[in-house]
């Protein structure tokens, strides 16, 4: 459904177009913020309805995702990649160790330091989480018309670039373009 046909979402006018100046971009930024917030909320809600086992906090999911790509990793590296305080990551890792999702080991390169690795249970949880979310998004995309699906597909490279501009790291799980 286009912004023009939704009464609760104003259609971006000429002033909302990118490149019209900082003040003119505010409506577009506001709408994008609202869309991202609604998408995250809807996805989390629909997953918990369809898959009641899905209780993993998003911060832990994000750490599992990083460890799925970069394991083993030091707490400081995980904190830097997720832009979190090391103490926050350490607390999350402690919870994840208790849940059996990750393990702490001695860093082979520096025996004074420790690293975190995914356990088999953590890897399985990450695969199940990813599969469930992809299934829900695929079903929602399937309910859209061809034009809407094409528009979303065409927007993906720009959305990944936007994420990088907001502070994401190249190689943080976004596909290469």
C-alpha atoms as a PDB file:
ATOM      1  CA  UNK A   1       0.000   0.000   0.000  1.00  0.00           C
ATOM      2  CA  UNK A   2       1.454   3.341  -0.968  1.00  0.00           C
ATOM      3  CA  UNK A   3       1.778   6.327   1.319  1.00  0.00           C
ATOM      4  CA  UNK A   4      -0.758   8.104  -0.880  1.00  0.00           C
ATOM      5  CA  UNK A   5      -3.438   5.484  -0.178  1.00  0.00           C
ATOM      6  CA  UNK A   6      -2.818   5.329   3.607  1.00  0.00           C
ATOM      7  CA  UNK A   7      -4.734   8.009   5.484  1.00  0.00           C
ATOM      8  CA  UNK A   8      -2.459   7.759   8.536  1.00  0.00           C
ATOM      9  CA  UNK A   9       0.807   8.139   6.586  1.00  0.00           C
ATOM     10  CA  UNK A  10       1.178  11.424   4.727  1.00  0.00           C
ATOM     11  CA  UNK A  11       2.566  11.175   1.233  1.00  0.00           C
ATOM     12  CA  UNK A  12       6.015  12.757   1.065  1.00  0.00           C
ATOM     13  CA  UNK A  13       5.737  15.951  -0.901  1.00  0.00           C
ATOM     14  CA  UNK A  14       8.453  17.823  -2.762  1.00  0.00           C
ATOM     15  CA  UNK A  15       9.773  19.216   0.519  1.00  0.00           C
ATOM     16  CA  UNK A  16      10.336  15.699   1.905  1.00  0.00           C
ATOM     17  CA  UNK A  17      12.557  14.543  -0.931  1.00  0.00           C
ATOM     18  CA  UNK A  18      16.183  13.747  -0.199  1.00  0.00           C
ATOM     19  CA  UNK A  19      18.478  16.514  -1.302  1.00  0.00           C
ATOM     20  CA  UNK A  20      16.052  19.331  -0.549  1.00  0.00           C
ATOM     21  CA  UNK A  21      17.973  20.448   2.517  1.00  0.00           C
ATOM     22  CA  UNK A  22      18.133  19.300   6.135  1.00  0.00           C
ATOM     23  CA  UNK A  23      14.837  20.859   7.230  1.00  0.00           C
ATOM     24  CA  UNK A  24      12.992  19.356   4.279  1.00  0.00           C
ATOM     25  CA  UNK A  25      14.272  15.839   5.044  1.00  0.00           C
ATOM     26  CA  UNK A  26      12.639  15.687   8.479  1.00  0.00           C
ATOM     27  CA  UNK A  27       9.284  14.259   7.237  1.00  0.00           C
ATOM     28  CA  UNK A  28      11.083  11.515   5.300  1.00  0.00           C
ATOM     29  CA  UNK A  29      13.316  10.712   8.282  1.00  0.00           C
ATOM     30  CA  UNK A  30      10.267  10.644  10.561  1.00  0.00           C
ATOM     31  CA  UNK A  31       8.396   8.282   8.241  1.00  0.00           C
ATOM     32  CA  UNK A  32      11.388   5.982   7.881  1.00  0.00           C
ATOM     33  CA  UNK A  33      11.856   5.926  11.664  1.00  0.00           C
ATOM     34  CA  UNK A  34       8.196   5.048  12.097  1.00  0.00           C
ATOM     35  CA  UNK A  35       8.345   2.334   9.418  1.00  0.00           C
ATOM     36  CA  UNK A  36      11.420   0.701  10.958  1.00  0.00           C
ATOM     37  CA  UNK A  37       9.874   0.834  14.434  1.00  0.00           C
ATOM     38  CA  UNK A  38       6.619  -0.696  13.198  1.00  0.00           C
ATOM     39  CA  UNK A  39       8.458  -3.419  11.286  1.00  0.00           C
ATOM     40  CA  UNK A  40      10.525  -4.437  14.319  1.00  0.00           C
ATOM     41  CA  UNK A  41       7.519  -4.403  16.626  1.00  0.00           C
ATOM     42  CA  UNK A  42       5.323  -6.339  14.179  1.00  0.00           C
ATOM     43  CA  UNK A  43       8.004  -8.931  13.542  1.00  0.00           C
ATOM     44  CA  UNK A  44       8.722  -9.494  17.234  1.00  0.00           C
ATOM     45  CA  UNK A  45       5.023  -9.687  18.022  1.00  0.00           C
ATOM     46  CA  UNK A  46       4.204 -12.073  15.171  1.00  0.00           C
ATOM     47  CA  UNK A  47       7.115 -14.356  16.025  1.00  0.00           C
ATOM     48  CA  UNK A  48       6.061 -14.598  19.661  1.00  0.00           C
ATOM     49  CA  UNK A  49       2.501 -15.386  18.567  1.00  0.00           C
ATOM     50  CA  UNK A  50       3.531 -18.085  16.109  1.00  0.00           C
ATOM     51  CA  UNK A  51       6.593 -19.289  18.020  1.00  0.00           C
ATOM     52  CA  UNK A  52       6.069 -18.847  21.776  1.00  0.00           C
ATOM     53  CA  UNK A  53       9.574 -20.198  22.434  1.00  0.00           C
ATOM     54  CA  UNK A  54      11.012 -17.011  20.890  1.00  0.00           C
ATOM     55  CA  UNK A  55      11.932 -15.129  24.051  1.00  0.00           C
ATOM     56  CA  UNK A  56      15.546 -14.274  23.339  1.00  0.00           C
ATOM     57  CA  UNK A  57      16.183 -10.547  23.907  1.00  0.00           C
ATOM     58  CA  UNK A  58      17.232  -8.696  20.767  1.00  0.00           C
ATOM     59  CA  UNK A  59      20.555  -7.674  22.320  1.00  0.00           C
ATOM     60  CA  UNK A  60      21.416 -11.352  22.796  1.00  0.00           C
ATOM     61  CA  UNK A  61      20.288 -12.189  19.257  1.00  0.00           C
ATOM     62  CA  UNK A  62      22.587  -9.478  17.915  1.00  0.00           C
ATOM     63  CA  UNK A  63      25.522 -10.907  19.872  1.00  0.00           C
ATOM     64  CA  UNK A  64      24.727 -14.395  18.551  1.00  0.00           C
ATOM     65  CA  UNK A  65      24.677 -12.948  15.031  1.00  0.00           C
ATOM     66  CA  UNK A  66      28.089 -11.334  15.502  1.00  0.00           C
ATOM     67  CA  UNK A  67      29.483 -14.538  16.978  1.00  0.00           C
ATOM     68  CA  UNK A  68      27.996 -16.473  14.070  1.00  0.00           C
ATOM     69  CA  UNK A  69      30.166 -14.369  11.768  1.00  0.00           C
ATOM     70  CA  UNK A  70      33.177 -13.636  14.009  1.00  0.00           C
ATOM     71  CA  UNK A  71      33.841 -16.384  16.523  1.00  0.00           C
ATOM     72  CA  UNK A  72      35.728 -16.574  18.796  1.00  0.00           C
ATOM     73  CA  UNK A  73      35.624 -12.933  19.869  1.00  0.00           C
ATOM     74  CA  UNK A  74      36.724 -10.906  22.866  1.00  0.00           C
ATOM     75  CA  UNK A  75      34.115  -9.025  24.882  1.00  0.00           C
ATOM     76  CA  UNK A  76      35.723  -5.734  23.834  1.00  0.00           C
ATOM     77  CA  UNK A  77      35.422  -6.697  20.152  1.00  0.00           C
ATOM     78  CA  UNK A  78      31.765  -7.657  20.579  1.00  0.00           C
ATOM     79  CA  UNK A  79      31.115  -4.381  22.401  1.00  0.00           C
ATOM     80  CA  UNK A  80      32.777  -2.366  19.646  1.00  0.00           C
ATOM     81  CA  UNK A  81      30.876  -4.182  16.876  1.00  0.00           C
ATOM     82  CA  UNK A  82      27.499  -3.626  18.594  1.00  0.00           C
ATOM     83  CA  UNK A  83      28.436  -0.175  19.905  1.00  0.00           C
ATOM     84  CA  UNK A  84      27.698  -1.181  23.488  1.00  0.00           C
ATOM     85  CA  UNK A  85      29.595  -0.723  26.727  1.00  0.00           C
ATOM     86  CA  UNK A  86      31.874  -3.671  27.509  1.00  0.00           C
ATOM     87  CA  UNK A  87      30.150  -4.046  30.900  1.00  0.00           C
ATOM     88  CA  UNK A  88      26.784  -4.375  29.123  1.00  0.00           C
ATOM     89  CA  UNK A  89      28.150  -7.034  26.777  1.00  0.00           C
ATOM     90  CA  UNK A  90      29.811  -8.828  29.677  1.00  0.00           C
ATOM     91  CA  UNK A  91      26.457  -8.985  31.500  1.00  0.00           C
ATOM     92  CA  UNK A  92      24.675 -10.255  28.390  1.00  0.00           C
ATOM     93  CA  UNK A  93      27.393 -12.847  27.817  1.00  0.00           C
ATOM     94  CA  UNK A  94      27.028 -14.008  31.429  1.00  0.00           C
ATOM     95  CA  UNK A  95      23.314 -14.598  30.833  1.00  0.00           C
ATOM     96  CA  UNK A  96      24.060 -16.372  27.554  1.00  0.00           C
ATOM     97  CA  UNK A  97      26.648 -18.620  29.249  1.00  0.00           C
ATOM     98  CA  UNK A  98      24.042 -19.558  31.869  1.00  0.00           C
ATOM     99  CA  UNK A  99      21.594 -20.362  29.051  1.00  0.00           C
ATOM    100  CA  UNK A 100      24.217 -22.525  27.325  1.00  0.00           C
ATOM    101  CA  UNK A 101      24.301 -20.358  24.179  1.00  0.00           C
ATOM    102  CA  UNK A 102      27.953 -19.301  24.387  1.00  0.00           C
ATOM    103  CA  UNK A 103      31.102 -20.431  26.148  1.00  0.00           C
ATOM    104  CA  UNK A 104      34.049 -18.467  27.477  1.00  0.00           C
ATOM    105  CA  UNK A 105      37.510 -19.791  26.646  1.00  0.00           C
ATOM    106  CA  UNK A 106      41.105 -18.657  26.969  1.00  0.00           C
ATOM    107  CA  UNK A 107      42.323 -16.641  23.981  1.00  0.00           C
ATOM    108  CA  UNK A 108      44.922 -18.789  22.209  1.00  0.00           C
ATOM    109  CA  UNK A 109      46.732 -15.633  21.024  1.00  0.00           C
ATOM    110  CA  UNK A 110      46.908 -14.085  24.517  1.00  0.00           C
ATOM    111  CA  UNK A 111      46.459 -16.524  27.396  1.00  0.00           C
ATOM    112  CA  UNK A 112      45.698 -13.588  29.749  1.00  0.00           C
ATOM    113  CA  UNK A 113      42.518 -12.775  27.807  1.00  0.00           C
ATOM    114  CA  UNK A 114      39.311 -14.671  27.229  1.00  0.00           C
ATOM    115  CA  UNK A 115      37.162 -15.116  24.160  1.00  0.00           C
ATOM    116  CA  UNK A 116      33.555 -16.071  23.631  1.00  0.00           C
ATOM    117  CA  UNK A 117      32.393 -18.737  21.195  1.00  0.00           C
ATOM    118  CA  UNK A 118      29.008 -20.004  20.128  1.00  0.00           C
ATOM    119  CA  UNK A 119      28.008 -23.369  21.535  1.00  0.00           C
ATOM    120  CA  UNK A 120      26.107 -25.879  19.435  1.00  0.00           C
ATOM    121  CA  UNK A 121      22.966 -24.803  21.328  1.00  0.00           C
ATOM    122  CA  UNK A 122      23.702 -21.148  20.526  1.00  0.00           C
ATOM    123  CA  UNK A 123      24.228 -21.935  16.863  1.00  0.00           C
ATOM    124  CA  UNK A 124      20.970 -23.926  16.766  1.00  0.00           C
ATOM    125  CA  UNK A 125      19.075 -21.091  18.485  1.00  0.00           C
ATOM    126  CA  UNK A 126      20.490 -18.569  16.005  1.00  0.00           C
ATOM    127  CA  UNK A 127      19.522 -20.751  13.014  1.00  0.00           C
ATOM    128  CA  UNK A 128      16.006 -21.280  14.431  1.00  0.00           C
ATOM    129  CA  UNK A 129      15.615 -17.542  15.122  1.00  0.00           C
ATOM    130  CA  UNK A 130      16.826 -16.598  11.637  1.00  0.00           C
ATOM    131  CA  UNK A 131      14.665 -19.212   9.914  1.00  0.00           C
ATOM    132  CA  UNK A 132      11.536 -18.187  11.827  1.00  0.00           C
ATOM    133  CA  UNK A 133      12.049 -14.511  11.048  1.00  0.00           C
ATOM    134  CA  UNK A 134      12.812 -15.134   7.383  1.00  0.00           C
ATOM    135  CA  UNK A 135       9.677 -17.292   7.119  1.00  0.00           C
ATOM    136  CA  UNK A 136       7.518 -14.506   8.621  1.00  0.00           C
ATOM    137  CA  UNK A 137       9.027 -11.825   6.408  1.00  0.00           C
ATOM    138  CA  UNK A 138       8.714 -14.026   3.323  1.00  0.00           C
ATOM    139  CA  UNK A 139       5.012 -14.597   4.084  1.00  0.00           C
ATOM    140  CA  UNK A 140       4.450 -10.862   4.564  1.00  0.00           C
ATOM    141  CA  UNK A 141       6.307 -10.070   1.335  1.00  0.00           C
ATOM    142  CA  UNK A 142       4.193 -12.679  -0.457  1.00  0.00           C
ATOM    143  CA  UNK A 143       1.055 -10.799   0.563  1.00  0.00           C
ATOM    144  CA  UNK A 144       2.278  -7.640  -1.187  1.00  0.00           C
ATOM    145  CA  UNK A 145       1.668  -6.859  -4.824  1.00  0.00           C
ATOM    146  CA  UNK A 146       4.501  -7.171  -7.345  1.00  0.00           C
ATOM    147  CA  UNK A 147       5.201  -3.421  -7.387  1.00  0.00           C
ATOM    148  CA  UNK A 148       5.548  -3.234  -3.601  1.00  0.00           C
ATOM    149  CA  UNK A 149       7.867  -6.273  -3.516  1.00  0.00           C
ATOM    150  CA  UNK A 150       9.973  -4.785  -6.304  1.00  0.00           C
ATOM    151  CA  UNK A 151      10.153  -1.428  -4.500  1.00  0.00           C
ATOM    152  CA  UNK A 152      11.357  -3.135  -1.321  1.00  0.00           C
ATOM    153  CA  UNK A 153      13.923  -5.167  -3.249  1.00  0.00           C
ATOM    154  CA  UNK A 154      15.177  -2.053  -4.998  1.00  0.00           C
ATOM    155  CA  UNK A 155      15.420  -0.189  -1.670  1.00  0.00           C
ATOM    156  CA  UNK A 156      17.579  -2.817   0.076  1.00  0.00           C
ATOM    157  CA  UNK A 157      21.010  -1.558  -1.125  1.00  0.00           C
ATOM    158  CA  UNK A 158      20.112   1.976  -0.056  1.00  0.00           C
ATOM    159  CA  UNK A 159      18.881   0.736   3.335  1.00  0.00           C
ATOM    160  CA  UNK A 160      22.175  -1.100   3.937  1.00  0.00           C
ATOM    161  CA  UNK A 161      24.072   2.051   2.939  1.00  0.00           C
ATOM    162  CA  UNK A 162      21.889   4.074   5.321  1.00  0.00           C
ATOM    163  CA  UNK A 163      22.717   1.627   8.124  1.00  0.00           C
ATOM    164  CA  UNK A 164      26.430   2.072   7.418  1.00  0.00           C
ATOM    165  CA  UNK A 165      25.995   5.863   7.414  1.00  0.00           C
ATOM    166  CA  UNK A 166      24.307   5.619  10.810  1.00  0.00           C
ATOM    167  CA  UNK A 167      27.356   3.880  12.231  1.00  0.00           C
ATOM    168  CA  UNK A 168      27.122   0.255  11.191  1.00  0.00           C
ATOM    169  CA  UNK A 169      30.353  -1.403  10.200  1.00  0.00           C
ATOM    170  CA  UNK A 170      30.969  -2.793   6.729  1.00  0.00           C
ATOM    171  CA  UNK A 171      30.838  -6.531   7.136  1.00  0.00           C
ATOM    172  CA  UNK A 172      28.520  -6.449  10.166  1.00  0.00           C
ATOM    173  CA  UNK A 173      26.202  -8.952   8.575  1.00  0.00           C
ATOM    174  CA  UNK A 174      24.981  -6.812   5.699  1.00  0.00           C
ATOM    175  CA  UNK A 175      25.364  -8.313   2.247  1.00  0.00           C
ATOM    176  CA  UNK A 176      28.121  -6.994   0.065  1.00  0.00           C
ATOM    177  CA  UNK A 177      26.914  -4.756  -2.731  1.00  0.00           C
END
